[in-house]
PDB file of N, CA and C in Angstrom:
ATOM      1  N   MET A   1      27.363 -12.172 -16.639  1.00  0.00           N
ATOM      2  CA  MET A   1      26.196 -11.594 -16.015  1.00  0.00           C
ATOM      3  C   MET A   1      26.459 -10.110 -15.767  1.00  0.00           C
ATOM      4  N   PRO A   2      25.615  -9.216 -16.310  1.00  0.00           N
ATOM      5  CA  PRO A   2      25.839  -7.780 -16.114  1.00  0.00           C
ATOM      6  C   PRO A   2      25.489  -7.359 -14.685  1.00  0.00           C
ATOM      7  N   THR A   3      26.172  -6.325 -14.227  1.00  0.00           N
ATOM      8  CA  THR A   3      25.856  -5.772 -12.909  1.00  0.00           C
ATOM      9  C   THR A   3      24.538  -5.004 -13.008  1.00  0.00           C
ATOM     10  N   GLU A   4      24.016  -4.616 -11.868  1.00  0.00           N
ATOM     11  CA  GLU A   4      22.743  -3.876 -11.849  1.00  0.00           C
ATOM     12  C   GLU A   4      22.869  -2.558 -12.601  1.00  0.00           C
ATOM     13  N   ALA A   5      24.002  -1.880 -12.459  1.00  0.00           N
ATOM     14  CA  ALA A   5      24.210  -0.611 -13.163  1.00  0.00           C
ATOM     15  C   ALA A   5      24.274  -0.831 -14.670  1.00  0.00           C
ATOM     16  N   GLN A   6      24.953  -1.906 -15.098  1.00  0.00           N
ATOM     17  CA  GLN A   6      25.037  -2.211 -16.530  1.00  0.00           C
ATOM     18  C   GLN A   6      23.659  -2.585 -17.078  1.00  0.00           C
ATOM     19  N   ARG A   7      22.918  -3.352 -16.323  1.00  0.00           N
ATOM     20  CA  ARG A   7      21.577  -3.762 -16.755  1.00  0.00           C
ATOM     21  C   ARG A   7      20.666  -2.544 -16.891  1.00  0.00           C
ATOM     22  N   SER A   8      20.712  -1.634 -15.940  1.00  0.00           N
ATOM     23  CA  SER A   8      19.896  -0.416 -15.998  1.00  0.00           C
ATOM     24  C   SER A   8      20.288   0.443 -17.197  1.00  0.00           C
ATOM     25  N   ALA A   9      21.615   0.560 -17.463  1.00  0.00           N
ATOM     26  CA  ALA A   9      22.087   1.347 -18.603  1.00  0.00           C
ATOM     27  C   ALA A   9      21.647   0.727 -19.919  1.00  0.00           C
ATOM     28  N   MET A  10      21.701  -0.602 -19.994  1.00  0.00           N
ATOM     29  CA  MET A  10      21.289  -1.302 -21.208  1.00  0.00           C
ATOM     30  C   MET A  10      19.783  -1.115 -21.454  1.00  0.00           C
ATOM     31  N   LEU A  11      18.978  -1.244 -20.415  1.00  0.00           N
ATOM     32  CA  LEU A  11      17.530  -1.050 -20.551  1.00  0.00           C
ATOM     33  C   LEU A  11      17.209   0.393 -20.927  1.00  0.00           C
ATOM     34  N   ALA A  12      17.930   1.353 -20.327  1.00  0.00           N
ATOM     35  CA  ALA A  12      17.713   2.754 -20.662  1.00  0.00           C
ATOM     36  C   ALA A  12      18.073   3.035 -22.115  1.00  0.00           C
ATOM     37  N   ALA A  13      19.133   2.407 -22.611  1.00  0.00           N
ATOM     38  CA  ALA A  13      19.537   2.585 -24.016  1.00  0.00           C
ATOM     39  C   ALA A  13      18.478   2.041 -24.966  1.00  0.00           C
ATOM     40  N   MET A  14      17.751   1.017 -24.526  1.00  0.00           N
ATOM     41  CA  MET A  14      16.685   0.450 -25.360  1.00  0.00           C
ATOM     42  C   MET A  14      15.367   1.209 -25.196  1.00  0.00           C
ATOM     43  N   GLY A  15      15.356   2.228 -24.319  1.00  0.00           N
ATOM     44  CA  GLY A  15      14.144   3.025 -24.131  1.00  0.00           C
ATOM     45  C   GLY A  15      13.160   2.407 -23.148  1.00  0.00           C
ATOM     46  N   ILE A  16      13.636   1.517 -22.306  1.00  0.00           N
ATOM     47  CA  ILE A  16      12.772   0.868 -21.325  1.00  0.00           C
ATOM     48  C   ILE A  16      12.961   1.557 -19.987  1.00  0.00           C
ATOM     49  N   ASP A  17      11.858   2.044 -19.432  1.00  0.00           N
ATOM     50  CA  ASP A  17      11.913   2.679 -18.113  1.00  0.00           C
ATOM     51  C   ASP A  17      11.988   1.605 -17.040  1.00  0.00           C
ATOM     52  N   VAL A  18      12.839   1.829 -16.082  1.00  0.00           N
ATOM     53  CA  VAL A  18      12.987   0.899 -14.969  1.00  0.00           C
ATOM     54  C   VAL A  18      12.463   1.594 -13.722  1.00  0.00           C
ATOM     55  N   TYR A  19      11.492   0.968 -13.123  1.00  0.00           N
ATOM     56  CA  TYR A  19      10.912   1.510 -11.901  1.00  0.00           C
ATOM     57  C   TYR A  19      11.354   0.671 -10.715  1.00  0.00           C
ATOM     58  N   ARG A  20      11.655   1.330  -9.657  1.00  0.00           N
ATOM     59  CA  ARG A  20      12.051   0.633  -8.434  1.00  0.00           C
ATOM     60  C   ARG A  20      10.994   0.875  -7.361  1.00  0.00           C
ATOM     61  N   LEU A  21      10.793  -0.130  -6.556  1.00  0.00           N
ATOM     62  CA  LEU A  21       9.859   0.014  -5.461  1.00  0.00           C
ATOM     63  C   LEU A  21      10.434   0.959  -4.422  1.00  0.00           C
ATOM     64  N   ARG A  22       9.590   1.799  -3.901  1.00  0.00           N
ATOM     65  CA  ARG A  22      10.017   2.691  -2.839  1.00  0.00           C
ATOM     66  C   ARG A  22      10.062   1.922  -1.539  1.00  0.00           C
ATOM     67  N   ALA A  23      10.880   2.368  -0.668  1.00  0.00           N
ATOM     68  CA  ALA A  23      10.923   1.757   0.663  1.00  0.00           C
ATOM     69  C   ALA A  23       9.619   2.069   1.380  1.00  0.00           C
ATOM     70  N   ALA A  24       9.162   1.164   2.162  1.00  0.00           N
ATOM     71  CA  ALA A  24       7.932   1.366   2.904  1.00  0.00           C
ATOM     72  C   ALA A  24       8.106   2.530   3.883  1.00  0.00           C
ATOM     73  N   SER A  25       7.072   3.345   3.966  1.00  0.00           N
ATOM     74  CA  SER A  25       7.146   4.457   4.898  1.00  0.00           C
ATOM     75  C   SER A  25       7.015   3.926   6.321  1.00  0.00           C
ATOM     76  N   PRO A  26       7.630   4.604   7.240  1.00  0.00           N
ATOM     77  CA  PRO A  26       7.541   4.121   8.621  1.00  0.00           C
ATOM     78  C   PRO A  26       6.097   4.169   9.095  1.00  0.00           C
ATOM     79  N   ALA A  27       5.699   3.158   9.830  1.00  0.00           N
ATOM     80  CA  ALA A  27       4.327   3.078  10.314  1.00  0.00           C
ATOM     81  C   ALA A  27       4.081   4.177  11.347  1.00  0.00           C
ATOM     82  N   ALA A  28       2.976   4.859  11.170  1.00  0.00           N
ATOM     83  CA  ALA A  28       2.614   5.904  12.119  1.00  0.00           C
ATOM     84  C   ALA A  28       2.053   5.257  13.382  1.00  0.00           C
ATOM     85  N   ALA A  29       2.125   5.991  14.445  1.00  0.00           N
ATOM     86  CA  ALA A  29       1.553   5.500  15.692  1.00  0.00           C
ATOM     87  C   ALA A  29       0.052   5.311  15.503  1.00  0.00           C
ATOM     88  N   PRO A  30      -0.529   4.337  16.173  1.00  0.00           N
ATOM     89  CA  PRO A  30      -1.974   4.123  16.017  1.00  0.00           C
ATOM     90  C   PRO A  30      -2.753   5.366  16.432  1.00  0.00           C
ATOM     91  N   LEU A  31      -3.861   5.582  15.778  1.00  0.00           N
ATOM     92  CA  LEU A  31      -4.721   6.721  16.057  1.00  0.00           C
ATOM     93  C   LEU A  31      -5.753   6.288  17.092  1.00  0.00           C
ATOM     94  N   ARG A  32      -5.804   7.010  18.220  1.00  0.00           N
ATOM     95  CA  ARG A  32      -6.718   6.644  19.299  1.00  0.00           C
ATOM     96  C   ARG A  32      -7.512   7.861  19.754  1.00  0.00           C
ATOM     97  N   LEU A  33      -8.742   7.606  20.175  1.00  0.00           N
ATOM     98  CA  LEU A  33      -9.621   8.651  20.673  1.00  0.00           C
ATOM     99  C   LEU A  33     -10.123   8.283  22.056  1.00  0.00           C
ATOM    100  N   SER A  34     -10.284   9.282  22.903  1.00  0.00           N
ATOM    101  CA  SER A  34     -10.901   9.055  24.200  1.00  0.00           C
ATOM    102  C   SER A  34     -11.503  10.362  24.697  1.00  0.00           C
ATOM    103  N   LEU A  35     -12.175  10.291  25.833  1.00  0.00           N
ATOM    104  CA  LEU A  35     -12.763  11.466  26.461  1.00  0.00           C
ATOM    105  C   LEU A  35     -11.955  11.838  27.691  1.00  0.00           C
ATOM    106  N   ASP A  36     -11.781  13.145  27.906  1.00  0.00           N
ATOM    107  CA  ASP A  36     -11.117  13.567  29.134  1.00  0.00           C
ATOM    108  C   ASP A  36     -12.181  13.891  30.186  1.00  0.00           C
ATOM    109  N   ARG A  37     -11.766  14.421  31.295  1.00  0.00           N
ATOM    110  CA  ARG A  37     -12.700  14.682  32.404  1.00  0.00           C
ATOM    111  C   ARG A  37     -13.702  15.792  32.094  1.00  0.00           C
ATOM    112  N   GLN A  38     -13.370  16.666  31.155  1.00  0.00           N
ATOM    113  CA  GLN A  38     -14.284  17.738  30.764  1.00  0.00           C
ATOM    114  C   GLN A  38     -15.137  17.356  29.563  1.00  0.00           C
ATOM    115  N   SER A  39     -15.226  16.069  29.261  1.00  0.00           N
ATOM    116  CA  SER A  39     -16.007  15.545  28.130  1.00  0.00           C
ATOM    117  C   SER A  39     -15.532  16.101  26.793  1.00  0.00           C
ATOM    118  N   ARG A  40     -14.222  16.300  26.674  1.00  0.00           N
ATOM    119  CA  ARG A  40     -13.641  16.701  25.392  1.00  0.00           C
ATOM    120  C   ARG A  40     -13.042  15.470  24.741  1.00  0.00           C
ATOM    121  N   VAL A  41     -13.094  15.415  23.430  1.00  0.00           N
ATOM    122  CA  VAL A  41     -12.540  14.289  22.687  1.00  0.00           C
ATOM    123  C   VAL A  41     -11.056  14.546  22.463  1.00  0.00           C
ATOM    124  N   CYS A  42     -10.216  13.599  22.857  1.00  0.00           N
ATOM    125  CA  CYS A  42      -8.769  13.725  22.721  1.00  0.00           C
ATOM    126  C   CYS A  42      -8.276  12.782  21.633  1.00  0.00           C
ATOM    127  N   ILE A  43      -7.470  13.291  20.722  1.00  0.00           N
ATOM    128  CA  ILE A  43      -6.879  12.507  19.647  1.00  0.00           C
ATOM    129  C   ILE A  43      -5.410  12.294  19.967  1.00  0.00           C
ATOM    130  N   ASP A  44      -4.955  11.056  19.856  1.00  0.00           N
ATOM    131  CA  ASP A  44      -3.560  10.754  20.125  1.00  0.00           C
ATOM    132  C   ASP A  44      -3.025   9.856  19.013  1.00  0.00           C
ATOM    133  N   GLY A  45      -1.757  10.053  18.649  1.00  0.00           N
ATOM    134  CA  GLY A  45      -1.099   9.204  17.657  1.00  0.00           C
ATOM    135  C   GLY A  45      -1.458   9.596  16.234  1.00  0.00           C
ATOM    136  N   GLY A  46      -1.125   8.717  15.308  1.00  0.00           N
ATOM    137  CA  GLY A  46      -1.423   8.940  13.906  1.00  0.00           C
ATOM    138  C   GLY A  46      -0.515   9.951  13.254  1.00  0.00           C
ATOM    139  N   ASP A  47      -0.588  10.011  11.935  1.00  0.00           N
ATOM    140  CA  ASP A  47       0.186  11.016  11.208  1.00  0.00           C
ATOM    141  C   ASP A  47      -0.613  12.318  11.160  1.00  0.00           C
ATOM    142  N   ASP A  48       0.053  13.399  10.803  1.00  0.00           N
ATOM    143  CA  ASP A  48      -0.583  14.719  10.831  1.00  0.00           C
ATOM    144  C   ASP A  48      -1.792  14.812   9.918  1.00  0.00           C
ATOM    145  N   GLU A  49      -1.701  14.221   8.725  1.00  0.00           N
ATOM    146  CA  GLU A  49      -2.826  14.293   7.792  1.00  0.00           C
ATOM    147  C   GLU A  49      -4.049  13.577   8.349  1.00  0.00           C
ATOM    148  N   SER A  50      -3.854  12.407   8.935  1.00  0.00           N
ATOM    149  CA  SER A  50      -4.981  11.663   9.511  1.00  0.00           C
ATOM    150  C   SER A  50      -5.601  12.421  10.674  1.00  0.00           C
ATOM    151  N   VAL A  51      -4.775  13.027  11.502  1.00  0.00           N
ATOM    152  CA  VAL A  51      -5.286  13.790  12.638  1.00  0.00           C
ATOM    153  C   VAL A  51      -6.088  14.984  12.152  1.00  0.00           C
ATOM    154  N   GLN A  52      -5.607  15.678  11.118  1.00  0.00           N
ATOM    155  CA  GLN A  52      -6.334  16.826  10.592  1.00  0.00           C
ATOM    156  C   GLN A  52      -7.678  16.408  10.008  1.00  0.00           C
ATOM    157  N   ARG A  53      -7.690  15.302   9.273  1.00  0.00           N
ATOM    158  CA  ARG A  53      -8.956  14.813   8.711  1.00  0.00           C
ATOM    159  C   ARG A  53      -9.941  14.443   9.811  1.00  0.00           C
ATOM    160  N   LEU A  54      -9.435  13.732  10.812  1.00  0.00           N
ATOM    161  CA  LEU A  54     -10.297  13.316  11.913  1.00  0.00           C
ATOM    162  C   LEU A  54     -10.776  14.522  12.716  1.00  0.00           C
ATOM    163  N   HIS A  55      -9.900  15.490  12.923  1.00  0.00           N
ATOM    164  CA  HIS A  55     -10.280  16.708  13.654  1.00  0.00           C
ATOM    165  C   HIS A  55     -11.383  17.458  12.912  1.00  0.00           C
ATOM    166  N   ALA A  56     -11.349  17.460  11.598  1.00  0.00           N
ATOM    167  CA  ALA A  56     -12.385  18.128  10.807  1.00  0.00           C
ATOM    168  C   ALA A  56     -13.691  17.327  10.795  1.00  0.00           C
ATOM    169  N   LEU A  57     -13.585  16.019  10.877  1.00  0.00           N
ATOM    170  CA  LEU A  57     -14.748  15.147  10.777  1.00  0.00           C
ATOM    171  C   LEU A  57     -15.516  15.003  12.088  1.00  0.00           C
ATOM    172  N   LEU A  58     -14.808  14.955  13.196  1.00  0.00           N
ATOM    173  CA  LEU A  58     -15.429  14.619  14.481  1.00  0.00           C
ATOM    174  C   LEU A  58     -16.542  15.559  14.943  1.00  0.00           C
ATOM    175  N   PRO A  59     -16.391  16.878  14.855  1.00  0.00           N
ATOM    176  CA  PRO A  59     -17.480  17.726  15.366  1.00  0.00           C
ATOM    177  C   PRO A  59     -18.840  17.428  14.728  1.00  0.00           C
ATOM    178  N   SER A  60     -18.879  17.289  13.420  1.00  0.00           N
ATOM    179  CA  SER A  60     -20.162  17.009  12.779  1.00  0.00           C
ATOM    180  C   SER A  60     -20.612  15.568  13.015  1.00  0.00           C
ATOM    181  N   ALA A  61     -19.672  14.626  13.051  1.00  0.00           N
ATOM    182  CA  ALA A  61     -20.030  13.225  13.258  1.00  0.00           C
ATOM    183  C   ALA A  61     -20.553  12.974  14.668  1.00  0.00           C
ATOM    184  N   LEU A  62     -19.984  13.671  15.639  1.00  0.00           N
ATOM    185  CA  LEU A  62     -20.372  13.454  17.033  1.00  0.00           C
ATOM    186  C   LEU A  62     -21.344  14.510  17.553  1.00  0.00           C
ATOM    187  N   GLY A  63     -21.601  15.547  16.759  1.00  0.00           N
ATOM    188  CA  GLY A  63     -22.516  16.602  17.175  1.00  0.00           C
ATOM    189  C   GLY A  63     -21.977  17.440  18.318  1.00  0.00           C
ATOM    190  N   ILE A  64     -20.694  17.808  18.235  1.00  0.00           N
ATOM    191  CA  ILE A  64     -20.067  18.616  19.278  1.00  0.00           C
ATOM    192  C   ILE A  64     -19.391  19.825  18.646  1.00  0.00           C
ATOM    193  N   ALA A  65     -19.033  20.780  19.472  1.00  0.00           N
ATOM    194  CA  ALA A  65     -18.312  21.977  18.994  1.00  0.00           C
ATOM    195  C   ALA A  65     -16.868  21.624  18.677  1.00  0.00           C
ATOM    196  N   CYS A  66     -16.286  22.339  17.730  1.00  0.00           N
ATOM    197  CA  CYS A  66     -14.885  22.119  17.338  1.00  0.00           C
ATOM    198  C   CYS A  66     -13.930  22.265  18.520  1.00  0.00           C
ATOM    199  N   GLU A  67     -14.248  23.158  19.442  1.00  0.00           N
ATOM    200  CA  GLU A  67     -13.375  23.405  20.585  1.00  0.00           C
ATOM    201  C   GLU A  67     -13.282  22.205  21.524  1.00  0.00           C
ATOM    202  N   ARG A  68     -14.210  21.268  21.392  1.00  0.00           N
ATOM    203  CA  ARG A  68     -14.207  20.097  22.266  1.00  0.00           C
ATOM    204  C   ARG A  68     -13.393  18.941  21.697  1.00  0.00           C
ATOM    205  N   VAL A  69     -12.706  19.174  20.590  1.00  0.00           N
ATOM    206  CA  VAL A  69     -11.817  18.163  20.004  1.00  0.00           C
ATOM    207  C   VAL A  69     -10.384  18.651  20.176  1.00  0.00           C
ATOM    208  N   LEU A  70      -9.590  17.881  20.907  1.00  0.00           N
ATOM    209  CA  LEU A  70      -8.210  18.264  21.213  1.00  0.00           C
ATOM    210  C   LEU A  70      -7.229  17.328  20.540  1.00  0.00           C
ATOM    211  N   ARG A  71      -6.056  17.827  20.245  1.00  0.00           N
ATOM    212  CA  ARG A  71      -5.015  17.056  19.580  1.00  0.00           C
ATOM    213  C   ARG A  71      -4.040  16.406  20.566  1.00  0.00           C
ATOM    214  N   ALA A  72      -4.200  16.567  21.817  1.00  0.00           N
ATOM    215  CA  ALA A  72      -3.165  16.072  22.724  1.00  0.00           C
ATOM    216  C   ALA A  72      -3.766  15.468  23.976  1.00  0.00           C
ATOM    217  N   GLY A  73      -2.926  14.722  24.652  1.00  0.00           N
ATOM    218  CA  GLY A  73      -3.180  14.230  25.994  1.00  0.00           C
ATOM    219  C   GLY A  73      -4.544  13.641  26.252  1.00  0.00           C
ATOM    220  N   GLY A  74      -4.716  13.192  27.470  1.00  0.00           N
ATOM    221  CA  GLY A  74      -6.002  12.728  27.924  1.00  0.00           C
ATOM    222  C   GLY A  74      -6.395  11.338  27.455  1.00  0.00           C
ATOM    223  N   VAL A  75      -5.616  10.702  26.618  1.00  0.00           N
ATOM    224  CA  VAL A  75      -5.985   9.385  26.126  1.00  0.00           C
ATOM    225  C   VAL A  75      -5.714   8.371  27.221  1.00  0.00           C
ATOM    226  N   ASP A  76      -6.731   7.599  27.553  1.00  0.00           N
ATOM    227  CA  ASP A  76      -6.603   6.641  28.644  1.00  0.00           C
ATOM    228  C   ASP A  76      -6.781   5.208  28.145  1.00  0.00           C
ATOM    229  N   ASP A  77      -6.946   4.289  29.082  1.00  0.00           N
ATOM    230  CA  ASP A  77      -7.048   2.879  28.715  1.00  0.00           C
ATOM    231  C   ASP A  77      -8.385   2.521  28.080  1.00  0.00           C
ATOM    232  N   THR A  78      -9.349   3.440  28.074  1.00  0.00           N
ATOM    233  CA  THR A  78     -10.626   3.189  27.409  1.00  0.00           C
ATOM    234  C   THR A  78     -10.644   3.800  26.011  1.00  0.00           C
ATOM    235  N   ALA A  79      -9.479   4.139  25.494  1.00  0.00           N
ATOM    236  CA  ALA A  79      -9.379   4.777  24.179  1.00  0.00           C
ATOM    237  C   ALA A  79      -9.890   3.849  23.086  1.00  0.00           C
ATOM    238  N   ILE A  80     -10.441   4.458  22.058  1.00  0.00           N
ATOM    239  CA  ILE A  80     -10.957   3.734  20.903  1.00  0.00           C
ATOM    240  C   ILE A  80      -9.954   3.874  19.764  1.00  0.00           C
ATOM    241  N   ALA A  81      -9.553   2.755  19.196  1.00  0.00           N
ATOM    242  CA  ALA A  81      -8.620   2.777  18.067  1.00  0.00           C
ATOM    243  C   ALA A  81      -9.382   3.107  16.786  1.00  0.00           C
ATOM    244  N   VAL A  82      -8.782   3.929  15.957  1.00  0.00           N
ATOM    245  CA  VAL A  82      -9.379   4.328  14.680  1.00  0.00           C
ATOM    246  C   VAL A  82      -8.427   3.934  13.568  1.00  0.00           C
ATOM    247  N   ASP A  83      -8.952   3.279  12.551  1.00  0.00           N
ATOM    248  CA  ASP A  83      -8.147   2.903  11.398  1.00  0.00           C
ATOM    249  C   ASP A  83      -7.898   4.148  10.557  1.00  0.00           C
ATOM    250  N   GLN A  84      -6.636   4.548  10.431  1.00  0.00           N
ATOM    251  CA  GLN A  84      -6.294   5.757   9.685  1.00  0.00           C
ATOM    252  C   GLN A  84      -6.691   5.665   8.214  1.00  0.00           C
ATOM    253  N   PHE A  85      -6.687   4.454   7.674  1.00  0.00           N
ATOM    254  CA  PHE A  85      -7.010   4.290   6.262  1.00  0.00           C
ATOM    255  C   PHE A  85      -8.503   4.446   6.004  1.00  0.00           C
ATOM    256  N   ALA A  86      -9.330   4.291   7.042  1.00  0.00           N
ATOM    257  CA  ALA A  86     -10.769   4.505   6.879  1.00  0.00           C
ATOM    258  C   ALA A  86     -11.074   5.966   6.597  1.00  0.00           C
ATOM    259  N   LEU A  87     -10.190   6.861   7.027  1.00  0.00           N
ATOM    260  CA  LEU A  87     -10.393   8.285   6.780  1.00  0.00           C
ATOM    261  C   LEU A  87     -10.235   8.637   5.313  1.00  0.00           C
ATOM    262  N   ARG A  88      -9.524   7.810   4.571  1.00  0.00           N
ATOM    263  CA  ARG A  88      -9.271   8.078   3.151  1.00  0.00           C
ATOM    264  C   ARG A  88      -9.984   7.093   2.242  1.00  0.00           C
ATOM    265  N   GLY A  89     -10.750   6.193   2.806  1.00  0.00           N
ATOM    266  CA  GLY A  89     -11.322   5.091   2.046  1.00  0.00           C
ATOM    267  C   GLY A  89     -12.646   5.396   1.380  1.00  0.00           C
ATOM    268  N   ASP A  90     -13.254   4.335   0.891  1.00  0.00           N
ATOM    269  CA  ASP A  90     -14.534   4.441   0.208  1.00  0.00           C
ATOM    270  C   ASP A  90     -15.669   4.416   1.233  1.00  0.00           C
ATOM    271  N   ALA A  91     -16.901   4.250   0.743  1.00  0.00           N
ATOM    272  CA  ALA A  91     -18.069   4.300   1.619  1.00  0.00           C
ATOM    273  C   ALA A  91     -18.049   3.205   2.678  1.00  0.00           C
ATOM    274  N   SER A  92     -17.608   2.001   2.320  1.00  0.00           N
ATOM    275  CA  SER A  92     -17.580   0.927   3.315  1.00  0.00           C
ATOM    276  C   SER A  92     -16.547   1.221   4.412  1.00  0.00           C
ATOM    277  N   ALA A  93     -15.447   1.865   4.045  1.00  0.00           N
ATOM    278  CA  ALA A  93     -14.455   2.248   5.045  1.00  0.00           C
ATOM    279  C   ALA A  93     -15.018   3.325   5.968  1.00  0.00           C
ATOM    280  N   LYS A  94     -15.805   4.249   5.406  1.00  0.00           N
ATOM    281  CA  LYS A  94     -16.418   5.293   6.224  1.00  0.00           C
ATOM    282  C   LYS A  94     -17.445   4.693   7.188  1.00  0.00           C
ATOM    283  N   ARG A  95     -18.189   3.683   6.735  1.00  0.00           N
ATOM    284  CA  ARG A  95     -19.131   3.002   7.632  1.00  0.00           C
ATOM    285  C   ARG A  95     -18.388   2.315   8.763  1.00  0.00           C
ATOM    286  N   ALA A  96     -17.272   1.686   8.445  1.00  0.00           N
ATOM    287  CA  ALA A  96     -16.463   1.038   9.477  1.00  0.00           C
ATOM    288  C   ALA A  96     -15.935   2.076  10.469  1.00  0.00           C
ATOM    289  N   LEU A  97     -15.569   3.247   9.968  1.00  0.00           N
ATOM    290  CA  LEU A  97     -15.114   4.324  10.841  1.00  0.00           C
ATOM    291  C   LEU A  97     -16.233   4.738  11.787  1.00  0.00           C
ATOM    292  N   TRP A  98     -17.443   4.914  11.260  1.00  0.00           N
ATOM    293  CA  TRP A  98     -18.564   5.301  12.113  1.00  0.00           C
ATOM    294  C   TRP A  98     -18.845   4.220  13.162  1.00  0.00           C
ATOM    295  N   GLN A  99     -18.738   2.954  12.767  1.00  0.00           N
ATOM    296  CA  GLN A  99     -18.948   1.872  13.731  1.00  0.00           C
ATOM    297  C   GLN A  99     -17.928   1.961  14.867  1.00  0.00           C
ATOM    298  N   SER A 100     -16.708   2.351  14.563  1.00  0.00           N
ATOM    299  CA  SER A 100     -15.704   2.481  15.616  1.00  0.00           C
ATOM    300  C   SER A 100     -15.941   3.730  16.474  1.00  0.00           C
ATOM    301  N   LEU A 101     -16.614   4.746  15.907  1.00  0.00           N
ATOM    302  CA  LEU A 101     -16.895   5.969  16.657  1.00  0.00           C
ATOM    303  C   LEU A 101     -18.152   5.870  17.521  1.00  0.00           C
ATOM    304  N   LYS A 102     -19.037   4.928  17.225  1.00  0.00           N
ATOM    305  CA  LYS A 102     -20.305   4.825  17.960  1.00  0.00           C
ATOM    306  C   LYS A 102     -20.136   4.713  19.471  1.00  0.00           C
ATOM    307  N   PRO A 103     -19.257   3.843  19.979  1.00  0.00           N
ATOM    308  CA  PRO A 103     -19.121   3.775  21.442  1.00  0.00           C
ATOM    309  C   PRO A 103     -18.683   5.103  22.061  1.00  0.00           C
ATOM    310  N   LEU A 104     -17.810   5.816  21.376  1.00  0.00           N
ATOM    311  CA  LEU A 104     -17.371   7.116  21.867  1.00  0.00           C
ATOM    312  C   LEU A 104     -18.540   8.098  21.875  1.00  0.00           C
ATOM    313  N   ALA A 105     -19.343   8.091  20.822  1.00  0.00           N
ATOM    314  CA  ALA A 105     -20.509   8.983  20.740  1.00  0.00           C
ATOM    315  C   ALA A 105     -21.503   8.663  21.857  1.00  0.00           C
ATOM    316  N   ARG A 106     -21.705   7.387  22.125  1.00  0.00           N
ATOM    317  CA  ARG A 106     -22.625   7.006  23.208  1.00  0.00           C
ATOM    318  C   ARG A 106     -22.123   7.498  24.554  1.00  0.00           C
ATOM    319  N   ARG A 107     -20.819   7.315  24.809  1.00  0.00           N
ATOM    320  CA  ARG A 107     -20.259   7.779  26.075  1.00  0.00           C
ATOM    321  C   ARG A 107     -20.322   9.300  26.168  1.00  0.00           C
ATOM    322  N   LEU A 108     -20.043   9.963  25.048  1.00  0.00           N
ATOM    323  CA  LEU A 108     -20.035  11.431  25.025  1.00  0.00           C
ATOM    324  C   LEU A 108     -21.418  11.985  25.335  1.00  0.00           C
ATOM    325  N   HIS A 109     -22.432  11.445  24.700  1.00  0.00           N
ATOM    326  CA  HIS A 109     -23.788  11.970  24.895  1.00  0.00           C
ATOM    327  C   HIS A 109     -24.411  11.442  26.179  1.00  0.00           C
ATOM    328  N   GLY A 110     -23.891  10.355  26.722  1.00  0.00           N
ATOM    329  CA  GLY A 110     -24.335   9.881  28.025  1.00  0.00           C
ATOM    330  C   GLY A 110     -23.843  10.783  29.137  1.00  0.00           C
ATOM    331  N   LEU A 111     -22.696  11.429  28.905  1.00  0.00           N
ATOM    332  CA  LEU A 111     -22.117  12.340  29.898  1.00  0.00           C
ATOM    333  C   LEU A 111     -22.701  13.736  29.810  1.00  0.00           C
ATOM    334  N   ALA A 112     -23.176  14.106  28.628  1.00  0.00           N
ATOM    335  CA  ALA A 112     -23.641  15.477  28.424  1.00  0.00           C
ATOM    336  C   ALA A 112     -24.998  15.736  29.048  1.00  0.00           C
TER     337      ALA A 112
END
């Protein structure tokens, strides 16, 4: 029985590419949104790319100024979880994202 190195060398000699699965990337912290006392939307968790996408999307989706979306603090126990993959998904994923944002939008405009 050949070792893994011998098997890879033999396959390479025959012109066969060997692909290996990459290790799974570490799971990012869940992405959560909430309102602070000044009615600003606070984003907590998630990877940097997801936060940037959400930060760009929220002002137009919620009808607020960009300055009212913050990247830190203020997330409380009424925070809304956002699926990070919905930010990169197809139309049905975007609809699911909007459904998760609706309660936040209602609270935001109820306070304004």
